[in-house]
Amino acid sequence: MPRATNRSPNAYKILVVDDDPDIVELLEYNLRKEGYDVATASDGRKALEIAPQFAPDIVLLDVMMPHLDGIDTCRHLRTLPKFKDTYIIFLTARAEEFSEVAAFEAGADDFIAKPIKPRALMGRLAAFVRRDKDPQVVLDTIEINGLRIDRTGFAVYQEGRKISLPKKEFELLAFLAASPHKVFGREELLQNIWGNDVFVLARTVDVHVRKVREKVGDHHIQTIKGVGYKFNIDE
């Protein structure tokens, strides 16, 4: 059961699911320090017992666990209407035979490799909370990792230096940056950037991503093999 806390009624609730007690302790300490309300579970079964009562806004979910692994736990959560839009992040050890495709097919929003760097995790969670509280903040100007995208002025700045992008390259970059936690498949990007009335091949997306990377840097757009692309918010 989640522990009772004296939390702000506006605090975001995070469920940490991992069978390693040291990782749970590390995450719980850092999350509480940032003002989050935290519940923990040592495996997938316990997570599914706790989640309906605790109603987390965010789930940090280990992949390899006894009784019920992270992939199946995520899949179970996504079948419940209450957790359709819950932000689910997988915690993965680099040595594990982990398929990013399987994670995203199960309904994951993101994944973080172990060993976990608390500062990077807190930054990622803070970005999600800002977007969740006020989705409109990304509509006009997006600022991430030294990159500023002015959607009103149709301009991109890298560390204050203006970068010229053609219309479709700009729209692709701005679209991905507006939802940095989300992975988009090529077909979804084609539909949102080029529309249904224009016939273009899926490879068009790859070409535009390559051109954007050449101008703003390779690290801003991350390839999720077999799935698509996402905007990378890690520095």
Protein backbone atom coordinates (compact mmCIF):
# COMPACT_ATOMS: atom_id res chain seq x y z
CA MET A 1 0.00 0.00 0.00
CA PRO A 2 1.27 3.54 -0.64
CA ARG A 3 2.65 5.31 2.38
CA ALA A 4 0.70 8.24 3.77
CA THR A 5 2.39 11.60 3.30
CA ASN A 6 1.75 15.21 4.16
CA ARG A 7 1.71 16.27 0.55
CA SER A 8 0.38 19.26 -1.28
CA PRO A 9 -3.03 18.53 -2.82
CA ASN A 10 -1.48 19.62 -6.13
CA ALA A 11 1.51 17.26 -5.91
CA TYR A 12 1.94 14.80 -8.72
CA LYS A 13 1.73 11.17 -7.69
CA ILE A 14 4.44 8.78 -8.85
CA LEU A 15 4.42 5.00 -8.51
CA VAL A 16 7.93 3.49 -8.47
CA VAL A 17 7.99 -0.20 -9.46
CA ASP A 18 11.34 -2.02 -9.12
CA ASP A 19 12.55 -5.16 -7.37
CA ASP A 20 15.87 -3.54 -6.41
CA PRO A 21 15.39 -1.90 -2.97
CA ASP A 22 18.42 0.37 -3.46
CA ILE A 23 16.96 1.84 -6.64
CA VAL A 24 13.56 2.27 -5.00
CA GLU A 25 15.16 4.06 -2.04
CA LEU A 26 17.19 6.33 -4.32
CA LEU A 27 14.20 7.28 -6.44
CA GLU A 28 11.84 7.69 -3.52
CA TYR A 29 14.25 10.01 -1.69
CA ASN A 30 14.85 12.24 -4.72
CA LEU A 31 11.20 12.33 -5.77
CA ARG A 32 9.96 13.29 -2.30
CA LYS A 33 12.64 15.97 -2.11
CA GLU A 34 11.18 17.50 -5.27
CA GLY A 35 7.67 17.48 -3.76
CA TYR A 36 6.18 14.45 -5.48
CA ASP A 37 3.87 12.04 -3.65
CA VAL A 38 5.39 8.58 -3.95
CA ALA A 39 4.19 5.00 -3.64
CA THR A 40 6.37 1.95 -4.30
CA ALA A 41 5.95 -1.66 -5.42
CA SER A 42 8.54 -4.44 -5.71
CA ASP A 43 6.97 -6.23 -8.68
CA GLY A 44 4.28 -5.96 -11.34
CA ARG A 45 1.58 -7.75 -9.38
CA LYS A 46 1.92 -5.40 -6.41
CA ALA A 47 1.94 -2.44 -8.78
CA LEU A 48 -1.41 -3.50 -10.24
CA GLU A 49 -2.83 -3.81 -6.71
CA ILE A 50 -1.60 -0.37 -5.66
CA ALA A 51 -2.24 1.62 -8.83
CA PRO A 52 -6.09 1.73 -8.77
CA GLN A 53 -6.10 3.08 -5.20
CA PHE A 54 -3.09 5.39 -5.48
CA ALA A 55 -4.02 6.66 -8.98
CA PRO A 56 -0.53 7.74 -10.04
CA ASP A 57 0.04 10.47 -12.60
CA ILE A 58 3.39 8.90 -13.52
CA VAL A 59 4.68 5.31 -13.29
CA LEU A 60 8.42 4.49 -13.20
CA LEU A 61 8.50 0.85 -14.20
CA ASP A 62 11.38 -1.63 -14.17
CA VAL A 63 11.46 -4.15 -17.02
CA MET A 64 12.86 -7.32 -15.44
CA MET A 65 10.90 -8.20 -12.27
CA PRO A 66 9.62 -11.39 -10.63
CA HIS A 67 5.99 -12.51 -10.88
CA LEU A 68 5.04 -9.99 -13.58
CA ASP A 69 7.53 -8.11 -15.73
CA GLY A 70 7.33 -4.46 -16.73
CA ILE A 71 6.08 -5.09 -20.27
CA ASP A 72 3.07 -7.09 -19.10
CA THR A 73 2.44 -4.67 -16.24
CA CYS A 74 2.36 -1.74 -18.65
CA ARG A 75 0.07 -3.63 -21.00
CA HIS A 76 -2.30 -4.38 -18.10
CA LEU A 77 -2.36 -0.74 -16.99
CA ARG A 78 -3.18 0.49 -20.48
CA THR A 79 -6.27 -1.73 -20.63
CA LEU A 80 -7.74 0.20 -17.68
CA PRO A 81 -9.46 3.47 -18.69
CA LYS A 82 -8.05 5.27 -15.63
CA PHE A 83 -4.49 4.71 -16.89
CA LYS A 84 -5.02 5.37 -20.58
CA ASP A 85 -3.12 8.67 -20.40
CA THR A 86 -0.84 7.96 -17.42
CA TYR A 87 2.80 8.79 -18.18
CA ILE A 88 4.75 5.49 -18.06
CA ILE A 89 8.56 5.46 -18.09
CA PHE A 90 10.52 2.21 -18.28
CA LEU A 91 13.71 1.81 -16.22
CA THR A 92 16.10 -0.46 -18.11
CA ALA A 93 19.52 -1.93 -17.42
CA ARG A 94 21.84 -1.69 -20.42
CA ALA A 95 22.77 -5.38 -20.10
CA GLU A 96 19.16 -6.53 -20.38
CA GLU A 97 17.83 -7.96 -23.61
CA PHE A 98 15.31 -5.17 -23.79
CA SER A 99 13.29 -4.30 -26.86
CA GLU A 100 12.34 -0.65 -27.18
CA VAL A 101 9.76 -1.71 -29.75
CA ALA A 102 8.11 -4.06 -27.23
CA ALA A 103 8.02 -1.29 -24.64
CA PHE A 104 6.32 1.22 -26.89
CA GLU A 105 3.93 -1.37 -28.27
CA ALA A 106 2.93 -2.13 -24.66
CA GLY A 107 2.09 1.55 -24.16
CA ALA A 108 5.25 3.12 -22.71
CA ASP A 109 5.86 6.84 -23.15
CA ASP A 110 9.59 6.81 -22.53
CA PHE A 111 12.47 4.82 -21.10
CA ILE A 112 15.55 5.62 -19.00
CA ALA A 113 18.70 3.51 -18.90
CA LYS A 114 20.25 2.46 -15.61
CA PRO A 115 22.27 3.51 -13.73
CA ILE A 116 19.69 6.23 -13.19
CA LYS A 117 20.92 9.81 -12.89
CA PRO A 118 18.45 11.51 -10.51
CA ARG A 119 19.09 14.99 -11.91
CA ALA A 120 18.33 13.92 -15.48
CA LEU A 121 15.21 12.06 -14.34
CA MET A 122 13.94 15.05 -12.34
CA GLY A 123 14.45 17.30 -15.35
CA ARG A 124 12.45 14.94 -17.54
CA LEU A 125 9.63 14.72 -15.00
CA ALA A 126 9.58 18.50 -14.51
CA ALA A 127 9.20 19.00 -18.27
CA PHE A 128 6.26 16.59 -18.31
CA VAL A 129 4.58 18.36 -15.38
CA ARG A 130 4.95 21.77 -17.06
CA ARG A 131 3.33 20.47 -20.24
CA ASP A 132 0.60 18.70 -18.32
CA LYS A 133 -0.30 21.77 -16.25
CA ASP A 134 -0.34 24.16 -19.17
CA PRO A 135 -0.28 22.48 -22.59
CA GLN A 136 -0.42 25.90 -24.25
CA VAL A 137 3.08 26.87 -23.08
CA VAL A 138 4.60 24.96 -26.00
CA LEU A 139 2.42 26.48 -28.67
CA ASP A 140 4.33 29.73 -29.23
CA THR A 141 7.88 29.13 -27.98
CA ILE A 142 9.65 25.89 -27.07
CA GLU A 143 13.01 26.02 -25.28
CA ILE A 144 14.90 22.77 -24.64
CA ASN A 145 18.65 22.13 -24.24
CA GLY A 146 19.75 25.46 -25.71
CA LEU A 147 17.37 25.16 -28.65
CA ARG A 148 14.60 27.77 -28.95
CA ILE A 149 11.78 27.23 -31.43
CA ASP A 150 9.64 30.30 -32.09
CA ARG A 151 6.52 28.90 -33.71
CA THR A 152 4.99 32.36 -34.19
CA GLY A 153 8.05 33.81 -35.88
CA PHE A 154 8.84 30.56 -37.68
CA ALA A 155 12.43 30.74 -36.40
CA VAL A 156 14.89 28.41 -34.67
CA TYR A 157 17.77 29.53 -32.45
CA GLN A 158 20.65 27.35 -31.22
CA GLU A 159 22.39 29.01 -28.25
CA GLY A 160 21.14 32.36 -29.57
CA ARG A 161 22.29 31.72 -33.17
CA LYS A 162 19.49 31.77 -35.73
CA ILE A 163 19.15 28.67 -37.91
CA SER A 164 17.20 28.75 -41.15
CA LEU A 165 14.96 25.77 -41.83
CA PRO A 166 12.59 25.22 -44.76
CA LYS A 167 8.91 25.04 -43.84
CA LYS A 168 8.55 21.25 -43.57
CA GLU A 169 11.80 20.83 -41.64
CA PHE A 170 10.67 23.52 -39.21
CA GLU A 171 7.25 21.95 -38.79
CA LEU A 172 8.79 18.52 -38.19
CA LEU A 173 11.17 19.85 -35.53
CA ALA A 174 8.48 21.93 -33.81
CA PHE A 175 5.98 19.04 -33.85
CA LEU A 176 8.44 16.62 -32.21
CA ALA A 177 9.64 19.22 -29.68
CA ALA A 178 6.07 20.03 -28.63
CA SER A 179 5.73 16.49 -27.19
CA PRO A 180 9.28 15.48 -26.23
CA HIS A 181 8.14 12.49 -24.18
CA LYS A 182 6.26 10.92 -27.08
CA VAL A 183 7.51 8.65 -29.87
CA PHE A 184 5.93 9.23 -33.28
CA GLY A 185 5.87 6.68 -36.08
CA ARG A 186 6.65 7.73 -39.64
CA GLU A 187 3.03 7.40 -40.76
CA GLU A 188 1.87 9.59 -37.88
CA LEU A 189 4.47 12.23 -38.76
CA LEU A 190 3.50 12.12 -42.41
CA GLN A 191 -0.15 12.65 -41.51
CA ASN A 192 0.54 15.54 -39.12
CA ILE A 193 3.19 17.36 -41.15
CA TRP A 194 2.27 16.61 -44.77
CA GLY A 195 -1.43 15.78 -44.37
CA ASN A 196 -3.63 13.19 -46.04
CA ASP A 197 -4.03 15.04 -49.32
CA VAL A 198 -0.37 14.85 -50.35
CA PHE A 199 1.22 11.58 -51.45
CA VAL A 200 4.70 11.22 -49.93
CA LEU A 201 6.72 8.16 -48.98
CA ALA A 202 7.67 7.23 -45.42
CA ARG A 203 11.30 7.75 -46.42
CA THR A 204 10.46 11.46 -46.74
CA VAL A 205 10.41 11.65 -42.95
CA ASP A 206 13.87 10.07 -42.70
CA VAL A 207 15.28 12.53 -45.22
CA HIS A 208 13.84 15.53 -43.39
CA VAL A 209 15.09 14.25 -40.03
CA ARG A 210 18.58 13.88 -41.51
CA LYS A 211 18.47 17.46 -42.83
CA VAL A 212 17.25 18.85 -39.49
CA ARG A 213 20.03 16.99 -37.66
CA GLU A 214 22.62 18.45 -40.02
CA LYS A 215 21.48 21.96 -39.06
CA VAL A 216 20.59 21.75 -35.35
CA GLY A 217 22.71 18.78 -34.20
CA ASP A 218 22.31 15.02 -34.08
CA HIS A 219 21.26 14.78 -30.42
CA HIS A 220 17.95 16.67 -30.57
CA ILE A 221 16.00 14.03 -32.52
CA GLN A 222 16.36 10.45 -31.33
CA THR A 223 15.67 7.42 -33.50
CA ILE A 224 13.67 4.64 -31.83
CA LYS A 225 14.59 1.65 -33.97
CA GLY A 226 11.58 -0.04 -35.52
CA VAL A 227 9.18 2.61 -34.15
CA GLY A 228 9.97 6.15 -35.27
CA TYR A 229 11.36 9.35 -33.78
CA LYS A 230 11.14 11.40 -30.59
CA PHE A 231 12.60 14.68 -29.41
CA ASN A 232 15.43 14.10 -26.95
CA ILE A 233 15.31 16.25 -23.80
CA ASP A 234 18.46 14.83 -22.21
CA GLU A 235 21.44 17.14 -22.29
